[in-house]
PDB file of N, CA and C in Angstrom:
ATOM      1  N   MET A   1       0.854  -1.171   0.000  1.00  0.00           N
ATOM      2  CA  MET A   1       0.000   0.000   0.000  1.00  0.00           C
ATOM      3  C   MET A   1       0.898   1.231   0.000  1.00  0.00           C
ATOM      4  N   ASP A   2       0.669   2.080  -0.946  1.00  0.00           N
ATOM      5  CA  ASP A   2       1.431   3.323  -1.060  1.00  0.00           C
ATOM      6  C   ASP A   2       0.712   4.413  -0.287  1.00  0.00           C
ATOM      7  N   LEU A   3       1.185   4.704   0.897  1.00  0.00           N
ATOM      8  CA  LEU A   3       0.533   5.692   1.763  1.00  0.00           C
ATOM      9  C   LEU A   3       0.596   7.101   1.184  1.00  0.00           C
ATOM     10  N   GLN A   4       1.623   7.374   0.433  1.00  0.00           N
ATOM     11  CA  GLN A   4       1.775   8.724  -0.119  1.00  0.00           C
ATOM     12  C   GLN A   4       0.727   9.033  -1.181  1.00  0.00           C
ATOM     13  N   SER A   5       0.132   8.005  -1.743  1.00  0.00           N
ATOM     14  CA  SER A   5      -0.875   8.247  -2.776  1.00  0.00           C
ATOM     15  C   SER A   5      -2.266   8.470  -2.177  1.00  0.00           C
ATOM     16  N   LEU A   6      -2.406   8.282  -0.862  1.00  0.00           N
ATOM     17  CA  LEU A   6      -3.703   8.445  -0.214  1.00  0.00           C
ATOM     18  C   LEU A   6      -3.949   9.895   0.158  1.00  0.00           C
ATOM     19  N   SER A   7      -5.210  10.277   0.142  1.00  0.00           N
ATOM     20  CA  SER A   7      -5.578  11.626   0.569  1.00  0.00           C
ATOM     21  C   SER A   7      -5.543  11.685   2.094  1.00  0.00           C
ATOM     22  N   LEU A   8      -5.646  12.890   2.598  1.00  0.00           N
ATOM     23  CA  LEU A   8      -5.640  13.071   4.047  1.00  0.00           C
ATOM     24  C   LEU A   8      -6.824  12.351   4.682  1.00  0.00           C
ATOM     25  N   GLN A   9      -7.985  12.461   4.096  1.00  0.00           N
ATOM     26  CA  GLN A   9      -9.169  11.792   4.633  1.00  0.00           C
ATOM     27  C   GLN A   9      -9.007  10.271   4.587  1.00  0.00           C
ATOM     28  N   GLU A  10      -8.416   9.764   3.523  1.00  0.00           N
ATOM     29  CA  GLU A  10      -8.181   8.315   3.426  1.00  0.00           C
ATOM     30  C   GLU A  10      -7.196   7.853   4.493  1.00  0.00           C
ATOM     31  N   LEU A  11      -6.206   8.685   4.767  1.00  0.00           N
ATOM     32  CA  LEU A  11      -5.242   8.348   5.826  1.00  0.00           C
ATOM     33  C   LEU A  11      -5.918   8.348   7.189  1.00  0.00           C
ATOM     34  N   TYR A  12      -6.790   9.333   7.447  1.00  0.00           N
ATOM     35  CA  TYR A  12      -7.546   9.355   8.706  1.00  0.00           C
ATOM     36  C   TYR A  12      -8.411   8.108   8.840  1.00  0.00           C
ATOM     37  N   ASP A  13      -9.074   7.740   7.760  1.00  0.00           N
ATOM     38  CA  ASP A  13      -9.923   6.539   7.782  1.00  0.00           C
ATOM     39  C   ASP A  13      -9.080   5.294   8.046  1.00  0.00           C
ATOM     40  N   LEU A  14      -7.941   5.214   7.390  1.00  0.00           N
ATOM     41  CA  LEU A  14      -7.052   4.066   7.591  1.00  0.00           C
ATOM     42  C   LEU A  14      -6.558   4.015   9.035  1.00  0.00           C
ATOM     43  N   ARG A  15      -6.206   5.185   9.577  1.00  0.00           N
ATOM     44  CA  ARG A  15      -5.747   5.238  10.974  1.00  0.00           C
ATOM     45  C   ARG A  15      -6.841   4.740  11.913  1.00  0.00           C
ATOM     46  N   ASN A  16      -8.071   5.143  11.664  1.00  0.00           N
ATOM     47  CA  ASN A  16      -9.178   4.695  12.501  1.00  0.00           C
ATOM     48  C   ASN A  16      -9.409   3.192  12.373  1.00  0.00           C
ATOM     49  N   GLN A  17      -9.281   2.686  11.161  1.00  0.00           N
ATOM     50  CA  GLN A  17      -9.441   1.244  10.942  1.00  0.00           C
ATOM     51  C   GLN A  17      -8.348   0.466  11.676  1.00  0.00           C
ATOM     52  N   VAL A  18      -7.129   0.973  11.617  1.00  0.00           N
ATOM     53  CA  VAL A  18      -6.006   0.312  12.297  1.00  0.00           C
ATOM     54  C   VAL A  18      -6.220   0.347  13.807  1.00  0.00           C
ATOM     55  N   ALA A  19      -6.627   1.475  14.347  1.00  0.00           N
ATOM     56  CA  ALA A  19      -6.865   1.585  15.789  1.00  0.00           C
ATOM     57  C   ALA A  19      -7.965   0.627  16.232  1.00  0.00           C
ATOM     58  N   THR A  20      -9.015   0.525  15.430  1.00  0.00           N
ATOM     59  CA  THR A  20     -10.112  -0.390  15.753  1.00  0.00           C
ATOM     60  C   THR A  20      -9.629  -1.839  15.736  1.00  0.00           C
ATOM     61  N   GLU A  21      -8.840  -2.189  14.734  1.00  0.00           N
ATOM     62  CA  GLU A  21      -8.348  -3.572  14.634  1.00  0.00           C
ATOM     63  C   GLU A  21      -7.363  -3.886  15.757  1.00  0.00           C
ATOM     64  N   VAL A  22      -6.530  -2.936  16.119  1.00  0.00           N
ATOM     65  CA  VAL A  22      -5.599  -3.138  17.229  1.00  0.00           C
ATOM     66  C   VAL A  22      -6.376  -3.385  18.519  1.00  0.00           C
ATOM     67  N   ALA A  23      -7.389  -2.597  18.768  1.00  0.00           N
ATOM     68  CA  ALA A  23      -8.196  -2.767  19.979  1.00  0.00           C
ATOM     69  C   ALA A  23      -8.893  -4.118  19.982  1.00  0.00           C
ATOM     70  N   ARG A  24      -9.404  -4.546  18.827  1.00  0.00           N
ATOM     71  CA  ARG A  24     -10.078  -5.844  18.729  1.00  0.00           C
ATOM     72  C   ARG A  24      -9.106  -6.986  19.021  1.00  0.00           C
ATOM     73  N   LEU A  25      -7.922  -6.916  18.419  1.00  0.00           N
ATOM     74  CA  LEU A  25      -6.931  -7.977  18.635  1.00  0.00           C
ATOM     75  C   LEU A  25      -6.433  -7.997  20.079  1.00  0.00           C
ATOM     76  N   GLU A  26      -6.214  -6.822  20.658  1.00  0.00           N
ATOM     77  CA  GLU A  26      -5.796  -6.769  22.062  1.00  0.00           C
ATOM     78  C   GLU A  26      -6.844  -7.418  22.949  1.00  0.00           C
ATOM     79  N   SER A  27      -8.081  -7.109  22.709  1.00  0.00           N
ATOM     80  CA  SER A  27      -9.170  -7.673  23.503  1.00  0.00           C
ATOM     81  C   SER A  27      -9.219  -9.188  23.342  1.00  0.00           C
ATOM     82  N   ALA A  28      -9.095  -9.673  22.116  1.00  0.00           N
ATOM     83  CA  ALA A  28      -9.132 -11.114  21.860  1.00  0.00           C
ATOM     84  C   ALA A  28      -7.962 -11.818  22.548  1.00  0.00           C
ATOM     85  N   GLU A  29      -6.777 -11.214  22.500  1.00  0.00           N
ATOM     86  CA  GLU A  29      -5.608 -11.832  23.137  1.00  0.00           C
ATOM     87  C   GLU A  29      -5.741 -11.832  24.651  1.00  0.00           C
ATOM     88  N   LYS A  30      -6.311 -10.772  25.210  1.00  0.00           N
ATOM     89  CA  LYS A  30      -6.512 -10.737  26.663  1.00  0.00           C
ATOM     90  C   LYS A  30      -7.501 -11.815  27.093  1.00  0.00           C
ATOM     91  N   ILE A  31      -8.556 -12.005  26.308  1.00  0.00           N
ATOM     92  CA  ILE A  31      -9.534 -13.045  26.627  1.00  0.00           C
ATOM     93  C   ILE A  31      -8.869 -14.415  26.579  1.00  0.00           C
ATOM     94  N   GLU A  32      -8.046 -14.654  25.574  1.00  0.00           N
ATOM     95  CA  GLU A  32      -7.346 -15.938  25.448  1.00  0.00           C
ATOM     96  C   GLU A  32      -6.363 -16.131  26.610  1.00  0.00           C
ATOM     97  N   ALA A  33      -5.664 -15.086  26.981  1.00  0.00           N
ATOM     98  CA  ALA A  33      -4.722 -15.169  28.102  1.00  0.00           C
ATOM     99  C   ALA A  33      -5.467 -15.469  29.395  1.00  0.00           C
ATOM    100  N   LEU A  34      -6.614 -14.832  29.586  1.00  0.00           N
ATOM    101  CA  LEU A  34      -7.414 -15.067  30.780  1.00  0.00           C
ATOM    102  C   LEU A  34      -7.885 -16.516  30.850  1.00  0.00           C
ATOM    103  N   LYS A  35      -8.261 -17.070  29.712  1.00  0.00           N
ATOM    104  CA  LYS A  35      -8.665 -18.484  29.680  1.00  0.00           C
ATOM    105  C   LYS A  35      -7.505 -19.387  30.098  1.00  0.00           C
ATOM    106  N   LYS A  36      -6.321 -19.080  29.600  1.00  0.00           N
ATOM    107  CA  LYS A  36      -5.141 -19.883  29.953  1.00  0.00           C
ATOM    108  C   LYS A  36      -4.838 -19.783  31.450  1.00  0.00           C
ATOM    109  N   VAL A  37      -4.939 -18.570  31.978  1.00  0.00           N
ATOM    110  CA  VAL A  37      -4.687 -18.368  33.414  1.00  0.00           C
ATOM    111  C   VAL A  37      -5.709 -19.143  34.235  1.00  0.00           C
ATOM    112  N   GLN A  38      -6.972 -19.086  33.825  1.00  0.00           N
ATOM    113  CA  GLN A  38      -8.025 -19.805  34.544  1.00  0.00           C
ATOM    114  C   GLN A  38      -7.791 -21.320  34.486  1.00  0.00           C
ATOM    115  N   GLU A  39      -7.328 -21.816  33.351  1.00  0.00           N
ATOM    116  CA  GLU A  39      -7.021 -23.247  33.231  1.00  0.00           C
ATOM    117  C   GLU A  39      -5.878 -23.630  34.161  1.00  0.00           C
ATOM    118  N   LEU A  40      -4.844 -22.805  34.200  1.00  0.00           N
ATOM    119  CA  LEU A  40      -3.713 -23.083  35.094  1.00  0.00           C
ATOM    120  C   LEU A  40      -4.144 -23.032  36.556  1.00  0.00           C
ATOM    121  N   MET A  41      -4.987 -22.060  36.892  1.00  0.00           N
ATOM    122  CA  MET A  41      -5.473 -21.952  38.268  1.00  0.00           C
ATOM    123  C   MET A  41      -6.258 -23.205  38.648  1.00  0.00           C
ATOM    124  N   ALA A  42      -7.096 -23.669  37.730  1.00  0.00           N
ATOM    125  CA  ALA A  42      -7.881 -24.877  37.999  1.00  0.00           C
ATOM    126  C   ALA A  42      -6.975 -26.092  38.125  1.00  0.00           C
ATOM    127  N   THR A  43      -5.956 -26.188  37.289  1.00  0.00           N
ATOM    128  CA  THR A  43      -5.027 -27.322  37.325  1.00  0.00           C
ATOM    129  C   THR A  43      -4.295 -27.390  38.659  1.00  0.00           C
ATOM    130  N   TYR A  44      -3.894 -26.240  39.173  1.00  0.00           N
ATOM    131  CA  TYR A  44      -3.103 -26.207  40.401  1.00  0.00           C
ATOM    132  C   TYR A  44      -3.923 -25.853  41.632  1.00  0.00           C
ATOM    133  N   GLY A  45      -5.206 -25.721  41.475  1.00  0.00           N
ATOM    134  CA  GLY A  45      -6.073 -25.457  42.613  1.00  0.00           C
ATOM    135  C   GLY A  45      -5.854 -24.091  43.237  1.00  0.00           C
ATOM    136  N   LEU A  46      -5.577 -23.114  42.430  1.00  0.00           N
ATOM    137  CA  LEU A  46      -5.327 -21.767  42.934  1.00  0.00           C
ATOM    138  C   LEU A  46      -6.598 -20.933  42.878  1.00  0.00           C
ATOM    139  N   SER A  47      -6.727 -20.015  43.837  1.00  0.00           N
ATOM    140  CA  SER A  47      -7.847 -19.078  43.842  1.00  0.00           C
ATOM    141  C   SER A  47      -7.317 -17.686  43.517  1.00  0.00           C
ATOM    142  N   THR A  48      -8.242 -16.754  43.305  1.00  0.00           N
ATOM    143  CA  THR A  48      -7.797 -15.385  43.043  1.00  0.00           C
ATOM    144  C   THR A  48      -7.082 -14.801  44.257  1.00  0.00           C
ATOM    145  N   GLU A  49      -7.471 -15.262  45.453  1.00  0.00           N
ATOM    146  CA  GLU A  49      -6.779 -14.801  46.665  1.00  0.00           C
ATOM    147  C   GLU A  49      -5.323 -15.263  46.653  1.00  0.00           C
ATOM    148  N   ASP A  50      -5.086 -16.465  46.132  1.00  0.00           N
ATOM    149  CA  ASP A  50      -3.713 -16.963  46.048  1.00  0.00           C
ATOM    150  C   ASP A  50      -2.870 -16.070  45.147  1.00  0.00           C
ATOM    151  N   LEU A  51      -3.488 -15.522  44.121  1.00  0.00           N
ATOM    152  CA  LEU A  51      -2.747 -14.674  43.185  1.00  0.00           C
ATOM    153  C   LEU A  51      -2.439 -13.302  43.764  1.00  0.00           C
ATOM    154  N   THR A  52      -3.268 -12.851  44.686  1.00  0.00           N
ATOM    155  CA  THR A  52      -3.067 -11.511  45.224  1.00  0.00           C
ATOM    156  C   THR A  52      -2.252 -11.501  46.509  1.00  0.00           C
ATOM    157  N   LYS A  53      -2.028 -12.670  47.095  1.00  0.00           N
ATOM    158  CA  LYS A  53      -1.213 -12.729  48.322  1.00  0.00           C
ATOM    159  C   LYS A  53       0.226 -12.385  47.997  1.00  0.00           C
ATOM    160  N   LYS A  54       0.832 -11.711  48.911  1.00  0.00           N
ATOM    161  CA  LYS A  54       2.263 -11.459  48.753  1.00  0.00           C
ATOM    162  C   LYS A  54       3.005 -12.730  49.111  1.00  0.00           C
ATOM    163  N   ALA A  55       4.011 -13.014  48.338  1.00  0.00           N
ATOM    164  CA  ALA A  55       4.821 -14.191  48.624  1.00  0.00           C
ATOM    165  C   ALA A  55       5.504 -14.017  49.970  1.00  0.00           C
ATOM    166  N   ALA A  56       5.584 -15.096  50.700  1.00  0.00           N
ATOM    167  CA  ALA A  56       6.256 -15.049  52.000  1.00  0.00           C
ATOM    168  C   ALA A  56       7.710 -14.647  51.785  1.00  0.00           C
ATOM    169  N   ALA A  57       8.165 -13.776  52.616  1.00  0.00           N
ATOM    170  CA  ALA A  57       9.544 -13.303  52.496  1.00  0.00           C
ATOM    171  C   ALA A  57      10.494 -14.455  52.774  1.00  0.00           C
ATOM    172  N   SER A  58      11.166 -14.893  51.722  1.00  0.00           N
ATOM    173  CA  SER A  58      12.109 -15.986  51.893  1.00  0.00           C
ATOM    174  C   SER A  58      13.517 -15.457  52.148  1.00  0.00           C
ATOM    175  N   ARG A  59      13.690 -14.171  51.962  1.00  0.00           N
ATOM    176  CA  ARG A  59      15.002 -13.582  52.210  1.00  0.00           C
ATOM    177  C   ARG A  59      14.986 -12.869  53.546  1.00  0.00           C
ATOM    178  N   LYS A  60      16.097 -12.934  54.208  1.00  0.00           N
ATOM    179  CA  LYS A  60      16.214 -12.174  55.447  1.00  0.00           C
ATOM    180  C   LYS A  60      16.606 -10.749  55.079  1.00  0.00           C
ATOM    181  N   PRO A  61      16.316  -9.812  55.942  1.00  0.00           N
ATOM    182  CA  PRO A  61      16.685  -8.418  55.660  1.00  0.00           C
ATOM    183  C   PRO A  61      18.200  -8.284  55.469  1.00  0.00           C
ATOM    184  N   ALA A  62      18.576  -7.327  54.665  1.00  0.00           N
ATOM    185  CA  ALA A  62      19.998  -7.099  54.411  1.00  0.00           C
ATOM    186  C   ALA A  62      20.695  -6.702  55.706  1.00  0.00           C
ATOM    187  N   GLU A  63      21.889  -7.222  55.876  1.00  0.00           N
ATOM    188  CA  GLU A  63      22.668  -6.913  57.083  1.00  0.00           C
ATOM    189  C   GLU A  63      23.360  -5.572  56.923  1.00  0.00           C
ATOM    190  N   ALA A  64      23.539  -4.895  58.013  1.00  0.00           N
ATOM    191  CA  ALA A  64      24.220  -3.605  58.002  1.00  0.00           C
ATOM    192  C   ALA A  64      25.684  -3.802  57.652  1.00  0.00           C
ATOM    193  N   LYS A  65      26.203  -2.907  56.814  1.00  0.00           N
ATOM    194  CA  LYS A  65      27.612  -2.954  56.439  1.00  0.00           C
ATOM    195  C   LYS A  65      28.397  -1.781  57.015  1.00  0.00           C
ATOM    196  N   TYR A  66      27.645  -0.729  57.392  1.00  0.00           N
ATOM    197  CA  TYR A  66      28.301   0.468  57.888  1.00  0.00           C
ATOM    198  C   TYR A  66      27.636   0.915  59.181  1.00  0.00           C
ATOM    199  N   GLN A  67      28.456   1.520  60.071  1.00  0.00           N
ATOM    200  CA  GLN A  67      27.947   1.936  61.374  1.00  0.00           C
ATOM    201  C   GLN A  67      28.483   3.318  61.703  1.00  0.00           C
ATOM    202  N   ASN A  68      27.617   4.125  62.289  1.00  0.00           N
ATOM    203  CA  ASN A  68      28.011   5.469  62.691  1.00  0.00           C
ATOM    204  C   ASN A  68      28.907   5.355  63.926  1.00  0.00           C
ATOM    205  N   PRO A  69      30.155   5.839  63.876  1.00  0.00           N
ATOM    206  CA  PRO A  69      31.044   5.737  65.027  1.00  0.00           C
ATOM    207  C   PRO A  69      30.570   6.567  66.227  1.00  0.00           C
ATOM    208  N   ALA A  70      29.844   7.646  65.965  1.00  0.00           N
ATOM    209  CA  ALA A  70      29.363   8.488  67.053  1.00  0.00           C
ATOM    210  C   ALA A  70      28.109   7.910  67.704  1.00  0.00           C
ATOM    211  N   ASP A  71      27.337   7.125  66.964  1.00  0.00           N
ATOM    212  CA  ASP A  71      26.105   6.529  67.477  1.00  0.00           C
ATOM    213  C   ASP A  71      25.952   5.143  66.856  1.00  0.00           C
ATOM    214  N   PRO A  72      26.450   4.102  67.537  1.00  0.00           N
ATOM    215  CA  PRO A  72      26.447   2.744  66.979  1.00  0.00           C
ATOM    216  C   PRO A  72      25.058   2.188  66.651  1.00  0.00           C
ATOM    217  N   THR A  73      24.016   2.852  67.119  1.00  0.00           N
ATOM    218  CA  THR A  73      22.677   2.369  66.775  1.00  0.00           C
ATOM    219  C   THR A  73      22.293   2.738  65.345  1.00  0.00           C
ATOM    220  N   LEU A  74      23.021   3.671  64.746  1.00  0.00           N
ATOM    221  CA  LEU A  74      22.756   4.069  63.366  1.00  0.00           C
ATOM    222  C   LEU A  74      23.612   3.233  62.431  1.00  0.00           C
ATOM    223  N   THR A  75      22.951   2.450  61.600  1.00  0.00           N
ATOM    224  CA  THR A  75      23.655   1.599  60.646  1.00  0.00           C
ATOM    225  C   THR A  75      23.072   1.808  59.258  1.00  0.00           C
ATOM    226  N   TRP A  76      23.781   1.273  58.256  1.00  0.00           N
ATOM    227  CA  TRP A  76      23.355   1.365  56.870  1.00  0.00           C
ATOM    228  C   TRP A  76      23.798   0.112  56.153  1.00  0.00           C
ATOM    229  N   THR A  77      22.926  -0.408  55.295  1.00  0.00           N
ATOM    230  CA  THR A  77      23.231  -1.645  54.558  1.00  0.00           C
ATOM    231  C   THR A  77      24.118  -1.397  53.356  1.00  0.00           C
ATOM    232  N   GLY A  78      24.237  -0.159  52.936  1.00  0.00           N
ATOM    233  CA  GLY A  78      25.002   0.145  51.736  1.00  0.00           C
ATOM    234  C   GLY A  78      24.105   0.190  50.509  1.00  0.00           C
ATOM    235  N   ARG A  79      22.808  -0.042  50.702  1.00  0.00           N
ATOM    236  CA  ARG A  79      21.848  -0.008  49.596  1.00  0.00           C
ATOM    237  C   ARG A  79      21.051   1.283  49.661  1.00  0.00           C
ATOM    238  N   GLY A  80      20.662   1.770  48.504  1.00  0.00           N
ATOM    239  CA  GLY A  80      19.841   2.970  48.462  1.00  0.00           C
ATOM    240  C   GLY A  80      20.653   4.224  48.732  1.00  0.00           C
ATOM    241  N   ARG A  81      19.946   5.295  49.020  1.00  0.00           N
ATOM    242  CA  ARG A  81      20.609   6.576  49.275  1.00  0.00           C
ATOM    243  C   ARG A  81      21.402   6.520  50.568  1.00  0.00           C
ATOM    244  N   LYS A  82      22.480   7.252  50.583  1.00  0.00           N
ATOM    245  CA  LYS A  82      23.302   7.327  51.790  1.00  0.00           C
ATOM    246  C   LYS A  82      22.540   8.104  52.860  1.00  0.00           C
ATOM    247  N   PRO A  83      22.541   7.603  54.087  1.00  0.00           N
ATOM    248  CA  PRO A  83      21.906   8.357  55.178  1.00  0.00           C
ATOM    249  C   PRO A  83      22.655   9.666  55.422  1.00  0.00           C
ATOM    250  N   LEU A  84      21.973  10.588  56.060  1.00  0.00           N
ATOM    251  CA  LEU A  84      22.574  11.897  56.329  1.00  0.00           C
ATOM    252  C   LEU A  84      23.850  11.780  57.145  1.00  0.00           C
ATOM    253  N   TRP A  85      23.887  10.852  58.101  1.00  0.00           N
ATOM    254  CA  TRP A  85      25.088  10.728  58.928  1.00  0.00           C
ATOM    255  C   TRP A  85      26.275  10.248  58.091  1.00  0.00           C
ATOM    256  N   VAL A  86      26.031   9.439  57.070  1.00  0.00           N
ATOM    257  CA  VAL A  86      27.120   8.999  56.188  1.00  0.00           C
ATOM    258  C   VAL A  86      27.591  10.183  55.356  1.00  0.00           C
ATOM    259  N   LEU A  87      26.651  10.923  54.803  1.00  0.00           N
ATOM    260  CA  LEU A  87      27.021  12.092  54.001  1.00  0.00           C
ATOM    261  C   LEU A  87      27.821  13.099  54.821  1.00  0.00           C
ATOM    262  N   ALA A  88      27.389  13.344  56.042  1.00  0.00           N
ATOM    263  CA  ALA A  88      28.108  14.287  56.906  1.00  0.00           C
ATOM    264  C   ALA A  88      29.515  13.784  57.195  1.00  0.00           C
ATOM    265  N   TYR A  89      29.651  12.492  57.455  1.00  0.00           N
ATOM    266  CA  TYR A  89      30.959  11.898  57.738  1.00  0.00           C
ATOM    267  C   TYR A  89      31.886  12.062  56.537  1.00  0.00           C
ATOM    268  N   LEU A  90      31.358  11.803  55.344  1.00  0.00           N
ATOM    269  CA  LEU A  90      32.161  11.919  54.129  1.00  0.00           C
ATOM    270  C   LEU A  90      32.537  13.376  53.851  1.00  0.00           C
ATOM    271  N   GLU A  91      31.618  14.300  54.100  1.00  0.00           N
ATOM    272  CA  GLU A  91      31.898  15.723  53.880  1.00  0.00           C
ATOM    273  C   GLU A  91      32.976  16.245  54.832  1.00  0.00           C
ATOM    274  N   ASN A  92      33.102  15.620  55.991  1.00  0.00           N
ATOM    275  CA  ASN A  92      34.112  16.032  56.964  1.00  0.00           C
ATOM    276  C   ASN A  92      35.438  15.321  56.752  1.00  0.00           C
ATOM    277  N   GLY A  93      35.605  14.712  55.591  1.00  0.00           N
ATOM    278  CA  GLY A  93      36.893  14.114  55.244  1.00  0.00           C
ATOM    279  C   GLY A  93      37.011  12.639  55.558  1.00  0.00           C
ATOM    280  N   GLY A  94      36.002  12.029  56.093  1.00  0.00           N
ATOM    281  CA  GLY A  94      36.051  10.602  56.378  1.00  0.00           C
ATOM    282  C   GLY A  94      35.885   9.773  55.114  1.00  0.00           C
ATOM    283  N   ALA A  95      36.270   8.526  55.208  1.00  0.00           N
ATOM    284  CA  ALA A  95      36.128   7.600  54.087  1.00  0.00           C
ATOM    285  C   ALA A  95      35.080   6.550  54.438  1.00  0.00           C
ATOM    286  N   LEU A  96      34.359   6.121  53.456  1.00  0.00           N
ATOM    287  CA  LEU A  96      33.299   5.125  53.681  1.00  0.00           C
ATOM    288  C   LEU A  96      33.874   3.845  54.285  1.00  0.00           C
ATOM    289  N   GLU A  97      35.070   3.479  53.914  1.00  0.00           N
ATOM    290  CA  GLU A  97      35.706   2.278  54.440  1.00  0.00           C
ATOM    291  C   GLU A  97      35.886   2.335  55.959  1.00  0.00           C
ATOM    292  N   GLN A  98      36.020   3.547  56.483  1.00  0.00           N
ATOM    293  CA  GLN A  98      36.198   3.710  57.927  1.00  0.00           C
ATOM    294  C   GLN A  98      34.928   3.388  58.699  1.00  0.00           C
ATOM    295  N   LEU A  99      33.791   3.393  58.023  1.00  0.00           N
ATOM    296  CA  LEU A  99      32.521   3.092  58.667  1.00  0.00           C
ATOM    297  C   LEU A  99      32.149   1.619  58.565  1.00  0.00           C
ATOM    298  N   ALA A 100      32.941   0.868  57.798  1.00  0.00           N
ATOM    299  CA  ALA A 100      32.612  -0.540  57.546  1.00  0.00           C
ATOM    300  C   ALA A 100      32.655  -1.360  58.821  1.00  0.00           C
ATOM    301  N   LEU A 101      31.711  -2.285  58.947  1.00  0.00           N
ATOM    302  CA  LEU A 101      31.628  -3.135  60.133  1.00  0.00           C
ATOM    303  C   LEU A 101      32.559  -4.343  60.058  1.00  0.00           C
ATOM    304  N   PHE A 102      33.001  -4.712  58.899  1.00  0.00           N
ATOM    305  CA  PHE A 102      33.816  -5.931  58.746  1.00  0.00           C
ATOM    306  C   PHE A 102      35.276  -5.670  58.742  1.00  0.00           C
TER     307      PHE A 102
END
């Protein structure tokens, strides 16, 4: 199909036809996927509640790798943003290695 040979109105019509067909196919695929999910749920005896439950935490919380020398109750795992006490320590010339627990 040579799109350049189409008029503006023909292009608008084609765009609408494509959007309609995309929506139809998406809907059909979602219905088929839902059927497959329902079959799997029936095979394994799962309910919708089983699907919405959070999986039991099989991992233990991350262990602290760094500790504030001025207040040993303040620790950091090394993940995420640096706590303010770490930033302050680094700004005052300290090194992150000096805070390490190991």
